[in-house]
Amino acid sequence: MYVKLLDSNVPTIKDIFLVANSNNIIAYTLIGVIVVAFTYLTFLSIIIKDIAYPMAHPYLFTLETLLTSIGPSAVIFLMAYGRSKITTATLLEFGIMVLKFGLLNILLQFSGFYTYAFG
């Protein structure tokens, strides 16, 4: 009686856990951490609602939000230019990063982190 050791119908561990290589593990972990952090900051922002600084200095808060969102996001153009790969996808990635960093700045303010950190 012959037993086939490698049956193509038997799922392997990488099929079960979606782990084809370590890049998937790192990518899924980072995405998970970002989602959990944004959810937690949103929850804290809804509860704490620290809007004293934005109400007192709306122009400075707007300028701060624009600088902290556009500044770090502009690095994507430097990287794309250095690799001669500036495409419409670069603009899309830039827009997503601007939204991410802008939302992070607003959530950190409304959750009370900036008031606690900077007095």
PDB file of N, CA and C in Angstrom:
ATOM      1  N   MET A   1       0.831  -1.166   0.000  1.00  0.00           N
ATOM      2  CA  MET A   1       0.000   0.000   0.000  1.00  0.00           C
ATOM      3  C   MET A   1       0.889   1.246   0.000  1.00  0.00           C
ATOM      4  N   TYR A   2       0.662   2.146  -0.950  1.00  0.00           N
ATOM      5  CA  TYR A   2       1.477   3.347  -1.129  1.00  0.00           C
ATOM      6  C   TYR A   2       0.712   4.560  -0.590  1.00  0.00           C
ATOM      7  N   VAL A   3       1.365   5.350   0.285  1.00  0.00           N
ATOM      8  CA  VAL A   3       0.754   6.555   0.851  1.00  0.00           C
ATOM      9  C   VAL A   3       1.437   7.767   0.227  1.00  0.00           C
ATOM     10  N   LYS A   4       0.646   8.618  -0.314  1.00  0.00           N
ATOM     11  CA  LYS A   4       1.187   9.826  -0.936  1.00  0.00           C
ATOM     12  C   LYS A   4       1.476  10.855   0.164  1.00  0.00           C
ATOM     13  N   LEU A   5       2.747  11.215   0.315  1.00  0.00           N
ATOM     14  CA  LEU A   5       3.133  12.119   1.384  1.00  0.00           C
ATOM     15  C   LEU A   5       2.757  13.574   1.106  1.00  0.00           C
ATOM     16  N   LEU A   6       2.871  14.011  -0.091  1.00  0.00           N
ATOM     17  CA  LEU A   6       2.581  15.404  -0.425  1.00  0.00           C
ATOM     18  C   LEU A   6       1.288  15.477  -1.238  1.00  0.00           C
ATOM     19  N   ASP A   7       0.192  15.517  -0.557  1.00  0.00           N
ATOM     20  CA  ASP A   7      -1.109  15.615  -1.217  1.00  0.00           C
ATOM     21  C   ASP A   7      -1.418  17.082  -1.457  1.00  0.00           C
ATOM     22  N   SER A   8      -1.789  17.442  -2.663  1.00  0.00           N
ATOM     23  CA  SER A   8      -2.031  18.833  -3.000  1.00  0.00           C
ATOM     24  C   SER A   8      -3.318  19.361  -2.378  1.00  0.00           C
ATOM     25  N   ASN A   9      -4.203  18.493  -1.876  1.00  0.00           N
ATOM     26  CA  ASN A   9      -5.456  18.930  -1.272  1.00  0.00           C
ATOM     27  C   ASN A   9      -5.327  19.252   0.210  1.00  0.00           C
ATOM     28  N   VAL A  10      -4.216  18.894   0.823  1.00  0.00           N
ATOM     29  CA  VAL A  10      -4.008  19.154   2.242  1.00  0.00           C
ATOM     30  C   VAL A  10      -3.434  20.565   2.402  1.00  0.00           C
ATOM     31  N   PRO A  11      -4.115  21.419   3.170  1.00  0.00           N
ATOM     32  CA  PRO A  11      -3.593  22.775   3.333  1.00  0.00           C
ATOM     33  C   PRO A  11      -2.328  22.787   4.185  1.00  0.00           C
ATOM     34  N   THR A  12      -1.414  23.638   3.807  1.00  0.00           N
ATOM     35  CA  THR A  12      -0.183  23.793   4.574  1.00  0.00           C
ATOM     36  C   THR A  12      -0.377  24.908   5.587  1.00  0.00           C
ATOM     37  N   ILE A  13       0.586  25.073   6.460  1.00  0.00           N
ATOM     38  CA  ILE A  13       0.483  26.098   7.497  1.00  0.00           C
ATOM     39  C   ILE A  13       0.450  27.507   6.892  1.00  0.00           C
ATOM     40  N   LYS A  14       1.144  27.703   5.790  1.00  0.00           N
ATOM     41  CA  LYS A  14       1.131  29.031   5.178  1.00  0.00           C
ATOM     42  C   LYS A  14      -0.211  29.325   4.511  1.00  0.00           C
ATOM     43  N   ASP A  15      -0.955  28.307   4.122  1.00  0.00           N
ATOM     44  CA  ASP A  15      -2.294  28.515   3.591  1.00  0.00           C
ATOM     45  C   ASP A  15      -3.279  28.878   4.696  1.00  0.00           C
ATOM     46  N   ILE A  16      -3.083  28.305   5.855  1.00  0.00           N
ATOM     47  CA  ILE A  16      -3.992  28.544   6.973  1.00  0.00           C
ATOM     48  C   ILE A  16      -3.778  29.933   7.563  1.00  0.00           C
ATOM     49  N   PHE A  17      -2.537  30.332   7.783  1.00  0.00           N
ATOM     50  CA  PHE A  17      -2.236  31.588   8.464  1.00  0.00           C
ATOM     51  C   PHE A  17      -1.887  32.734   7.516  1.00  0.00           C
ATOM     52  N   LEU A  18      -2.037  32.550   6.202  1.00  0.00           N
ATOM     53  CA  LEU A  18      -1.726  33.578   5.212  1.00  0.00           C
ATOM     54  C   LEU A  18      -0.282  34.060   5.319  1.00  0.00           C
ATOM     55  N   VAL A  19       0.609  33.150   5.678  1.00  0.00           N
ATOM     56  CA  VAL A  19       2.003  33.510   5.839  1.00  0.00           C
ATOM     57  C   VAL A  19       2.791  32.864   4.716  1.00  0.00           C
ATOM     58  N   ALA A  20       3.070  33.635   3.682  1.00  0.00           N
ATOM     59  CA  ALA A  20       3.886  33.114   2.594  1.00  0.00           C
ATOM     60  C   ALA A  20       5.358  33.417   2.858  1.00  0.00           C
ATOM     61  N   ASN A  21       5.597  34.558   3.474  1.00  0.00           N
ATOM     62  CA  ASN A  21       6.958  34.924   3.865  1.00  0.00           C
ATOM     63  C   ASN A  21       6.899  35.954   4.982  1.00  0.00           C
ATOM     64  N   SER A  22       8.037  36.371   5.474  1.00  0.00           N
ATOM     65  CA  SER A  22       8.066  37.289   6.606  1.00  0.00           C
ATOM     66  C   SER A  22       7.544  38.673   6.250  1.00  0.00           C
ATOM     67  N   ASN A  23       7.563  39.045   4.975  1.00  0.00           N
ATOM     68  CA  ASN A  23       7.027  40.351   4.586  1.00  0.00           C
ATOM     69  C   ASN A  23       5.543  40.458   4.902  1.00  0.00           C
ATOM     70  N   ASN A  24       4.804  39.371   4.721  1.00  0.00           N
ATOM     71  CA  ASN A  24       3.379  39.380   5.053  1.00  0.00           C
ATOM     72  C   ASN A  24       3.157  39.569   6.547  1.00  0.00           C
ATOM     73  N   ILE A  25       3.955  38.907   7.353  1.00  0.00           N
ATOM     74  CA  ILE A  25       3.826  39.038   8.804  1.00  0.00           C
ATOM     75  C   ILE A  25       4.065  40.490   9.209  1.00  0.00           C
ATOM     76  N   ILE A  26       5.116  41.093   8.693  1.00  0.00           N
ATOM     77  CA  ILE A  26       5.435  42.467   9.039  1.00  0.00           C
ATOM     78  C   ILE A  26       4.346  43.414   8.551  1.00  0.00           C
ATOM     79  N   ALA A  27       3.884  43.233   7.324  1.00  0.00           N
ATOM     80  CA  ALA A  27       2.852  44.118   6.774  1.00  0.00           C
ATOM     81  C   ALA A  27       1.558  44.016   7.569  1.00  0.00           C
ATOM     82  N   TYR A  28       1.087  42.802   7.863  1.00  0.00           N
ATOM     83  CA  TYR A  28      -0.155  42.634   8.606  1.00  0.00           C
ATOM     84  C   TYR A  28      -0.023  43.161  10.030  1.00  0.00           C
ATOM     85  N   THR A  29       1.135  42.977  10.645  1.00  0.00           N
ATOM     86  CA  THR A  29       1.354  43.489  11.990  1.00  0.00           C
ATOM     87  C   THR A  29       1.320  45.013  12.002  1.00  0.00           C
ATOM     88  N   LEU A  30       2.010  45.648  11.063  1.00  0.00           N
ATOM     89  CA  LEU A  30       2.002  47.111  11.007  1.00  0.00           C
ATOM     90  C   LEU A  30       0.608  47.662  10.742  1.00  0.00           C
ATOM     91  N   ILE A  31      -0.108  47.062   9.835  1.00  0.00           N
ATOM     92  CA  ILE A  31      -1.472  47.513   9.550  1.00  0.00           C
ATOM     93  C   ILE A  31      -2.345  47.346  10.795  1.00  0.00           C
ATOM     94  N   GLY A  32      -2.192  46.244  11.479  1.00  0.00           N
ATOM     95  CA  GLY A  32      -2.961  46.019  12.704  1.00  0.00           C
ATOM     96  C   GLY A  32      -2.651  47.032  13.787  1.00  0.00           C
ATOM     97  N   VAL A  33      -1.374  47.321  13.990  1.00  0.00           N
ATOM     98  CA  VAL A  33      -0.971  48.303  14.996  1.00  0.00           C
ATOM     99  C   VAL A  33      -1.525  49.689  14.648  1.00  0.00           C
ATOM    100  N   ILE A  34      -1.460  50.069  13.386  1.00  0.00           N
ATOM    101  CA  ILE A  34      -1.964  51.379  12.966  1.00  0.00           C
ATOM    102  C   ILE A  34      -3.473  51.465  13.174  1.00  0.00           C
ATOM    103  N   VAL A  35      -4.202  50.428  12.814  1.00  0.00           N
ATOM    104  CA  VAL A  35      -5.654  50.430  12.985  1.00  0.00           C
ATOM    105  C   VAL A  35      -6.022  50.512  14.464  1.00  0.00           C
ATOM    106  N   VAL A  36      -5.338  49.735  15.296  1.00  0.00           N
ATOM    107  CA  VAL A  36      -5.619  49.761  16.739  1.00  0.00           C
ATOM    108  C   VAL A  36      -5.279  51.134  17.325  1.00  0.00           C
ATOM    109  N   ALA A  37      -4.155  51.720  16.931  1.00  0.00           N
ATOM    110  CA  ALA A  37      -3.759  53.026  17.461  1.00  0.00           C
ATOM    111  C   ALA A  37      -4.742  54.124  17.053  1.00  0.00           C
ATOM    112  N   PHE A  38      -5.143  54.138  15.780  1.00  0.00           N
ATOM    113  CA  PHE A  38      -6.111  55.139  15.333  1.00  0.00           C
ATOM    114  C   PHE A  38      -7.463  54.948  16.023  1.00  0.00           C
ATOM    115  N   THR A  39      -7.879  53.707  16.227  1.00  0.00           N
ATOM    116  CA  THR A  39      -9.143  53.441  16.916  1.00  0.00           C
ATOM    117  C   THR A  39      -9.075  53.907  18.361  1.00  0.00           C
ATOM    118  N   TYR A  40      -7.978  53.625  19.029  1.00  0.00           N
ATOM    119  CA  TYR A  40      -7.800  54.044  20.420  1.00  0.00           C
ATOM    120  C   TYR A  40      -7.761  55.566  20.542  1.00  0.00           C
ATOM    121  N   LEU A  41      -7.026  56.232  19.650  1.00  0.00           N
ATOM    122  CA  LEU A  41      -6.979  57.699  19.691  1.00  0.00           C
ATOM    123  C   LEU A  41      -8.338  58.313  19.379  1.00  0.00           C
ATOM    124  N   THR A  42      -9.084  57.709  18.478  1.00  0.00           N
ATOM    125  CA  THR A  42     -10.430  58.202  18.177  1.00  0.00           C
ATOM    126  C   THR A  42     -11.328  58.048  19.398  1.00  0.00           C
ATOM    127  N   PHE A  43     -11.252  56.927  20.069  1.00  0.00           N
ATOM    128  CA  PHE A  43     -12.019  56.700  21.292  1.00  0.00           C
ATOM    129  C   PHE A  43     -11.659  57.735  22.355  1.00  0.00           C
ATOM    130  N   LEU A  44     -10.369  57.969  22.570  1.00  0.00           N
ATOM    131  CA  LEU A  44      -9.948  58.968  23.552  1.00  0.00           C
ATOM    132  C   LEU A  44     -10.382  60.375  23.156  1.00  0.00           C
ATOM    133  N   SER A  45     -10.318  60.686  21.873  1.00  0.00           N
ATOM    134  CA  SER A  45     -10.718  62.014  21.402  1.00  0.00           C
ATOM    135  C   SER A  45     -12.195  62.264  21.630  1.00  0.00           C
ATOM    136  N   ILE A  46     -13.012  61.251  21.455  1.00  0.00           N
ATOM    137  CA  ILE A  46     -14.451  61.387  21.688  1.00  0.00           C
ATOM    138  C   ILE A  46     -14.740  61.604  23.169  1.00  0.00           C
ATOM    139  N   ILE A  47     -13.984  60.936  24.028  1.00  0.00           N
ATOM    140  CA  ILE A  47     -14.210  61.055  25.466  1.00  0.00           C
ATOM    141  C   ILE A  47     -13.632  62.359  26.021  1.00  0.00           C
ATOM    142  N   ILE A  48     -12.377  62.676  25.691  1.00  0.00           N
ATOM    143  CA  ILE A  48     -11.681  63.808  26.312  1.00  0.00           C
ATOM    144  C   ILE A  48     -12.051  65.141  25.669  1.00  0.00           C
ATOM    145  N   LYS A  49     -12.062  65.215  24.352  1.00  0.00           N
ATOM    146  CA  LYS A  49     -12.429  66.431  23.599  1.00  0.00           C
ATOM    147  C   LYS A  49     -11.624  67.662  24.044  1.00  0.00           C
ATOM    148  N   ASP A  50     -10.324  67.549  24.002  1.00  0.00           N
ATOM    149  CA  ASP A  50      -9.438  68.663  24.368  1.00  0.00           C
ATOM    150  C   ASP A  50      -9.348  69.636  23.197  1.00  0.00           C
ATOM    151  N   ILE A  51     -10.221  70.616  23.166  1.00  0.00           N
ATOM    152  CA  ILE A  51     -10.251  71.583  22.055  1.00  0.00           C
ATOM    153  C   ILE A  51      -9.886  72.993  22.514  1.00  0.00           C
ATOM    154  N   ALA A  52      -9.257  73.121  23.686  1.00  0.00           N
ATOM    155  CA  ALA A  52      -8.911  74.442  24.210  1.00  0.00           C
ATOM    156  C   ALA A  52      -7.917  75.158  23.297  1.00  0.00           C
ATOM    157  N   TYR A  53      -6.856  74.479  22.886  1.00  0.00           N
ATOM    158  CA  TYR A  53      -5.855  75.118  22.025  1.00  0.00           C
ATOM    159  C   TYR A  53      -6.402  75.447  20.640  1.00  0.00           C
ATOM    160  N   PRO A  54      -7.101  74.536  19.962  1.00  0.00           N
ATOM    161  CA  PRO A  54      -7.659  74.900  18.650  1.00  0.00           C
ATOM    162  C   PRO A  54      -8.668  76.051  18.726  1.00  0.00           C
ATOM    163  N   MET A  55      -9.419  76.133  19.813  1.00  0.00           N
ATOM    164  CA  MET A  55     -10.376  77.241  19.965  1.00  0.00           C
ATOM    165  C   MET A  55      -9.660  78.555  20.250  1.00  0.00           C
ATOM    166  N   ALA A  56      -8.575  78.510  21.024  1.00  0.00           N
ATOM    167  CA  ALA A  56      -7.836  79.727  21.374  1.00  0.00           C
ATOM    168  C   ALA A  56      -6.962  80.205  20.221  1.00  0.00           C
ATOM    169  N   HIS A  57      -6.384  79.298  19.452  1.00  0.00           N
ATOM    170  CA  HIS A  57      -5.466  79.644  18.362  1.00  0.00           C
ATOM    171  C   HIS A  57      -5.820  78.855  17.098  1.00  0.00           C
ATOM    172  N   PRO A  58      -6.920  79.200  16.432  1.00  0.00           N
ATOM    173  CA  PRO A  58      -7.329  78.393  15.274  1.00  0.00           C
ATOM    174  C   PRO A  58      -6.354  78.466  14.101  1.00  0.00           C
ATOM    175  N   TYR A  59      -5.744  79.633  13.874  1.00  0.00           N
ATOM    176  CA  TYR A  59      -4.807  79.749  12.754  1.00  0.00           C
ATOM    177  C   TYR A  59      -3.527  78.973  13.013  1.00  0.00           C
ATOM    178  N   LEU A  60      -3.014  79.042  14.228  1.00  0.00           N
ATOM    179  CA  LEU A  60      -1.804  78.283  14.555  1.00  0.00           C
ATOM    180  C   LEU A  60      -2.063  76.777  14.496  1.00  0.00           C
ATOM    181  N   PHE A  61      -3.233  76.363  14.972  1.00  0.00           N
ATOM    182  CA  PHE A  61      -3.550  74.936  14.925  1.00  0.00           C
ATOM    183  C   PHE A  61      -3.690  74.460  13.476  1.00  0.00           C
ATOM    184  N   THR A  62      -4.295  75.283  12.625  1.00  0.00           N
ATOM    185  CA  THR A  62      -4.425  74.927  11.211  1.00  0.00           C
ATOM    186  C   THR A  62      -3.053  74.851  10.546  1.00  0.00           C
ATOM    187  N   LEU A  63      -2.195  75.836  10.826  1.00  0.00           N
ATOM    188  CA  LEU A  63      -0.838  75.831  10.270  1.00  0.00           C
ATOM    189  C   LEU A  63      -0.051  74.622  10.772  1.00  0.00           C
ATOM    190  N   GLU A  64      -0.181  74.333  12.051  1.00  0.00           N
ATOM    191  CA  GLU A  64       0.506  73.174  12.631  1.00  0.00           C
ATOM    192  C   GLU A  64       0.039  71.873  11.970  1.00  0.00           C
ATOM    193  N   THR A  65      -1.261  71.748  11.762  1.00  0.00           N
ATOM    194  CA  THR A  65      -1.799  70.540  11.133  1.00  0.00           C
ATOM    195  C   THR A  65      -1.309  70.412   9.695  1.00  0.00           C
ATOM    196  N   LEU A  66      -1.302  71.514   8.953  1.00  0.00           N
ATOM    197  CA  LEU A  66      -0.816  71.475   7.570  1.00  0.00           C
ATOM    198  C   LEU A  66       0.666  71.120   7.503  1.00  0.00           C
ATOM    199  N   LEU A  67       1.469  71.713   8.391  1.00  0.00           N
ATOM    200  CA  LEU A  67       2.910  71.425   8.386  1.00  0.00           C
ATOM    201  C   LEU A  67       3.209  69.983   8.788  1.00  0.00           C
ATOM    202  N   THR A  68       2.482  69.470   9.791  1.00  0.00           N
ATOM    203  CA  THR A  68       2.758  68.097  10.226  1.00  0.00           C
ATOM    204  C   THR A  68       2.180  67.062   9.276  1.00  0.00           C
ATOM    205  N   SER A  69       1.303  67.474   8.366  1.00  0.00           N
ATOM    206  CA  SER A  69       0.782  66.507   7.404  1.00  0.00           C
ATOM    207  C   SER A  69       1.504  66.589   6.059  1.00  0.00           C
ATOM    208  N   ILE A  70       1.764  67.791   5.579  1.00  0.00           N
ATOM    209  CA  ILE A  70       2.409  67.941   4.267  1.00  0.00           C
ATOM    210  C   ILE A  70       3.916  67.712   4.350  1.00  0.00           C
ATOM    211  N   GLY A  71       4.543  68.162   5.434  1.00  0.00           N
ATOM    212  CA  GLY A  71       5.997  68.024   5.576  1.00  0.00           C
ATOM    213  C   GLY A  71       6.502  66.603   5.462  1.00  0.00           C
ATOM    214  N   PRO A  72       6.069  65.708   6.353  1.00  0.00           N
ATOM    215  CA  PRO A  72       6.550  64.319   6.258  1.00  0.00           C
ATOM    216  C   PRO A  72       6.094  63.607   4.988  1.00  0.00           C
ATOM    217  N   SER A  73       4.932  64.001   4.476  1.00  0.00           N
ATOM    218  CA  SER A  73       4.411  63.345   3.276  1.00  0.00           C
ATOM    219  C   SER A  73       5.186  63.735   2.027  1.00  0.00           C
ATOM    220  N   ALA A  74       5.820  64.889   2.036  1.00  0.00           N
ATOM    221  CA  ALA A  74       6.574  65.344   0.871  1.00  0.00           C
ATOM    222  C   ALA A  74       7.786  64.458   0.592  1.00  0.00           C
ATOM    223  N   VAL A  75       8.193  63.691   1.581  1.00  0.00           N
ATOM    224  CA  VAL A  75       9.331  62.787   1.409  1.00  0.00           C
ATOM    225  C   VAL A  75       9.058  61.771   0.302  1.00  0.00           C
ATOM    226  N   ILE A  76       7.787  61.431   0.088  1.00  0.00           N
ATOM    227  CA  ILE A  76       7.442  60.463  -0.957  1.00  0.00           C
ATOM    228  C   ILE A  76       7.889  60.963  -2.325  1.00  0.00           C
ATOM    229  N   PHE A  77       7.826  62.280  -2.559  1.00  0.00           N
ATOM    230  CA  PHE A  77       8.276  62.825  -3.836  1.00  0.00           C
ATOM    231  C   PHE A  77       9.790  62.721  -3.976  1.00  0.00           C
ATOM    232  N   LEU A  78      10.510  62.950  -2.889  1.00  0.00           N
ATOM    233  CA  LEU A  78      11.971  62.825  -2.916  1.00  0.00           C
ATOM    234  C   LEU A  78      12.373  61.386  -3.225  1.00  0.00           C
ATOM    235  N   MET A  79      11.695  60.440  -2.604  1.00  0.00           N
ATOM    236  CA  MET A  79      12.012  59.031  -2.851  1.00  0.00           C
ATOM    237  C   MET A  79      11.674  58.643  -4.292  1.00  0.00           C
ATOM    238  N   ALA A  80      10.513  59.085  -4.779  1.00  0.00           N
ATOM    239  CA  ALA A  80      10.110  58.755  -6.149  1.00  0.00           C
ATOM    240  C   ALA A  80      11.024  59.435  -7.165  1.00  0.00           C
ATOM    241  N   TYR A  81      11.429  60.655  -6.897  1.00  0.00           N
ATOM    242  CA  TYR A  81      12.327  61.366  -7.804  1.00  0.00           C
ATOM    243  C   TYR A  81      13.690  60.681  -7.862  1.00  0.00           C
ATOM    244  N   GLY A  82      14.199  60.261  -6.707  1.00  0.00           N
ATOM    245  CA  GLY A  82      15.488  59.576  -6.659  1.00  0.00           C
ATOM    246  C   GLY A  82      15.489  58.257  -7.402  1.00  0.00           C
ATOM    247  N   ARG A  83      14.337  57.651  -7.532  1.00  0.00           N
ATOM    248  CA  ARG A  83      14.224  56.363  -8.234  1.00  0.00           C
ATOM    249  C   ARG A  83      13.607  56.517  -9.613  1.00  0.00           C
ATOM    250  N   SER A  84      13.400  57.759 -10.041  1.00  0.00           N
ATOM    251  CA  SER A  84      12.808  58.077 -11.351  1.00  0.00           C
ATOM    252  C   SER A  84      11.472  57.363 -11.547  1.00  0.00           C
ATOM    253  N   LYS A  85      10.642  57.387 -10.543  1.00  0.00           N
ATOM    254  CA  LYS A  85       9.359  56.690 -10.588  1.00  0.00           C
ATOM    255  C   LYS A  85       8.189  57.601 -10.212  1.00  0.00           C
ATOM    256  N   ILE A  86       8.223  58.862 -10.552  1.00  0.00           N
ATOM    257  CA  ILE A  86       7.113  59.752 -10.243  1.00  0.00           C
ATOM    258  C   ILE A  86       5.969  59.462 -11.208  1.00  0.00           C
ATOM    259  N   THR A  87       4.856  58.978 -10.655  1.00  0.00           N
ATOM    260  CA  THR A  87       3.677  58.623 -11.441  1.00  0.00           C
ATOM    261  C   THR A  87       2.435  59.172 -10.741  1.00  0.00           C
ATOM    262  N   THR A  88       1.284  58.854 -11.284  1.00  0.00           N
ATOM    263  CA  THR A  88       0.043  59.261 -10.621  1.00  0.00           C
ATOM    264  C   THR A  88      -0.143  58.503  -9.304  1.00  0.00           C
ATOM    265  N   ALA A  89       0.443  57.329  -9.202  1.00  0.00           N
ATOM    266  CA  ALA A  89       0.393  56.583  -7.942  1.00  0.00           C
ATOM    267  C   ALA A  89       1.140  57.337  -6.847  1.00  0.00           C
ATOM    268  N   THR A  90       2.166  58.085  -7.218  1.00  0.00           N
ATOM    269  CA  THR A  90       2.904  58.895  -6.246  1.00  0.00           C
ATOM    270  C   THR A  90       1.990  59.950  -5.655  1.00  0.00           C
ATOM    271  N   LEU A  91       1.173  60.576  -6.487  1.00  0.00           N
ATOM    272  CA  LEU A  91       0.226  61.583  -5.995  1.00  0.00           C
ATOM    273  C   LEU A  91      -0.813  60.951  -5.066  1.00  0.00           C
ATOM    274  N   LEU A  92      -1.279  59.780  -5.405  1.00  0.00           N
ATOM    275  CA  LEU A  92      -2.243  59.085  -4.558  1.00  0.00           C
ATOM    276  C   LEU A  92      -1.630  58.736  -3.205  1.00  0.00           C
ATOM    277  N   GLU A  93      -0.416  58.222  -3.215  1.00  0.00           N
ATOM    278  CA  GLU A  93       0.280  57.895  -1.969  1.00  0.00           C
ATOM    279  C   GLU A  93       0.523  59.149  -1.141  1.00  0.00           C
ATOM    280  N   PHE A  94       0.889  60.257  -1.795  1.00  0.00           N
ATOM    281  CA  PHE A  94       1.077  61.519  -1.098  1.00  0.00           C
ATOM    282  C   PHE A  94      -0.222  61.950  -0.422  1.00  0.00           C
ATOM    283  N   GLY A  95      -1.325  61.871  -1.132  1.00  0.00           N
ATOM    284  CA  GLY A  95      -2.617  62.263  -0.565  1.00  0.00           C
ATOM    285  C   GLY A  95      -3.010  61.412   0.626  1.00  0.00           C
ATOM    286  N   ILE A  96      -2.780  60.115   0.529  1.00  0.00           N
ATOM    287  CA  ILE A  96      -3.103  59.218   1.637  1.00  0.00           C
ATOM    288  C   ILE A  96      -2.239  59.533   2.848  1.00  0.00           C
ATOM    289  N   MET A  97      -0.959  59.799   2.621  1.00  0.00           N
ATOM    290  CA  MET A  97      -0.077  60.124   3.740  1.00  0.00           C
ATOM    291  C   MET A  97      -0.447  61.461   4.374  1.00  0.00           C
ATOM    292  N   VAL A  98      -0.841  62.452   3.561  1.00  0.00           N
ATOM    293  CA  VAL A  98      -1.272  63.745   4.109  1.00  0.00           C
ATOM    294  C   VAL A  98      -2.491  63.535   5.006  1.00  0.00           C
ATOM    295  N   LEU A  99      -3.447  62.757   4.538  1.00  0.00           N
ATOM    296  CA  LEU A  99      -4.635  62.483   5.350  1.00  0.00           C
ATOM    297  C   LEU A  99      -4.280  61.751   6.646  1.00  0.00           C
ATOM    298  N   LYS A 100      -3.390  60.774   6.537  1.00  0.00           N
ATOM    299  CA  LYS A 100      -3.009  59.996   7.717  1.00  0.00           C
ATOM    300  C   LYS A 100      -2.319  60.866   8.764  1.00  0.00           C
ATOM    301  N   PHE A 101      -1.326  61.655   8.343  1.00  0.00           N
ATOM    302  CA  PHE A 101      -0.599  62.491   9.295  1.00  0.00           C
ATOM    303  C   PHE A 101      -1.465  63.638   9.813  1.00  0.00           C
ATOM    304  N   GLY A 102      -2.323  64.192   8.971  1.00  0.00           N
ATOM    305  CA  GLY A 102      -3.222  65.254   9.419  1.00  0.00           C
ATOM    306  C   GLY A 102      -4.210  64.739  10.453  1.00  0.00           C
ATOM    307  N   LEU A 103      -4.800  63.579  10.180  1.00  0.00           N
ATOM    308  CA  LEU A 103      -5.731  62.987  11.131  1.00  0.00           C
ATOM    309  C   LEU A 103      -5.030  62.614  12.431  1.00  0.00           C
ATOM    310  N   LEU A 104      -3.815  62.116  12.332  1.00  0.00           N
ATOM    311  CA  LEU A 104      -3.052  61.785  13.534  1.00  0.00           C
ATOM    312  C   LEU A 104      -2.805  63.026  14.379  1.00  0.00           C
ATOM    313  N   ASN A 105      -2.457  64.150  13.764  1.00  0.00           N
ATOM    314  CA  ASN A 105      -2.233  65.385  14.501  1.00  0.00           C
ATOM    315  C   ASN A 105      -3.510  65.846  15.208  1.00  0.00           C
ATOM    316  N   ILE A 106      -4.624  65.780  14.509  1.00  0.00           N
ATOM    317  CA  ILE A 106      -5.896  66.205  15.094  1.00  0.00           C
ATOM    318  C   ILE A 106      -6.305  65.279  16.238  1.00  0.00           C
ATOM    319  N   LEU A 107      -6.144  63.979  16.049  1.00  0.00           N
ATOM    320  CA  LEU A 107      -6.501  63.035  17.101  1.00  0.00           C
ATOM    321  C   LEU A 107      -5.606  63.189  18.331  1.00  0.00           C
ATOM    322  N   LEU A 108      -4.323  63.434  18.115  1.00  0.00           N
ATOM    323  CA  LEU A 108      -3.429  63.649  19.255  1.00  0.00           C
ATOM    324  C   LEU A 108      -3.805  64.902  20.021  1.00  0.00           C
ATOM    325  N   GLN A 109      -4.248  65.952  19.329  1.00  0.00           N
ATOM    326  CA  GLN A 109      -4.686  67.176  20.001  1.00  0.00           C
ATOM    327  C   GLN A 109      -5.971  66.930  20.780  1.00  0.00           C
ATOM    328  N   PHE A 110      -6.965  66.345  20.126  1.00  0.00           N
ATOM    329  CA  PHE A 110      -8.269  66.163  20.765  1.00  0.00           C
ATOM    330  C   PHE A 110      -8.242  65.124  21.879  1.00  0.00           C
ATOM    331  N   SER A 111      -7.292  64.190  21.819  1.00  0.00           N
ATOM    332  CA  SER A 111      -7.192  63.177  22.885  1.00  0.00           C
ATOM    333  C   SER A 111      -6.472  63.722  24.109  1.00  0.00           C
ATOM    334  N   GLY A 112      -5.887  64.908  24.026  1.00  0.00           N
ATOM    335  CA  GLY A 112      -5.218  65.506  25.169  1.00  0.00           C
ATOM    336  C   GLY A 112      -3.740  65.216  25.239  1.00  0.00           C
ATOM    337  N   PHE A 113      -3.196  64.519  24.270  1.00  0.00           N
ATOM    338  CA  PHE A 113      -1.776  64.169  24.314  1.00  0.00           C
ATOM    339  C   PHE A 113      -0.890  65.408  24.262  1.00  0.00           C
ATOM    340  N   TYR A 114      -1.171  66.328  23.346  1.00  0.00           N
ATOM    341  CA  TYR A 114      -0.334  67.523  23.208  1.00  0.00           C
ATOM    342  C   TYR A 114      -0.417  68.412  24.445  1.00  0.00           C
ATOM    343  N   THR A 115      -1.585  68.511  25.048  1.00  0.00           N
ATOM    344  CA  THR A 115      -1.717  69.319  26.264  1.00  0.00           C
ATOM    345  C   THR A 115      -0.916  68.684  27.393  1.00  0.00           C
ATOM    346  N   TYR A 116      -0.954  67.366  27.483  1.00  0.00           N
ATOM    347  CA  TYR A 116      -0.183  66.679  28.510  1.00  0.00           C
ATOM    348  C   TYR A 116       1.313  66.775  28.232  1.00  0.00           C
ATOM    349  N   ALA A 117       1.719  66.607  26.994  1.00  0.00           N
ATOM    350  CA  ALA A 117       3.152  66.587  26.650  1.00  0.00           C
ATOM    351  C   ALA A 117       3.782  67.972  26.682  1.00  0.00           C
ATOM    352  N   PHE A 118       3.033  68.988  26.252  1.00  0.00           N
ATOM    353  CA  PHE A 118       3.626  70.328  26.126  1.00  0.00           C
ATOM    354  C   PHE A 118       3.050  71.334  27.092  1.00  0.00           C
ATOM    355  N   GLY A 119       2.177  70.935  27.987  1.00  0.00           N
ATOM    356  CA  GLY A 119       1.664  71.827  29.035  1.00  0.00           C
ATOM    357  C   GLY A 119       0.643  72.818  28.621  1.00  0.00           C
TER     358      GLY A 119
END
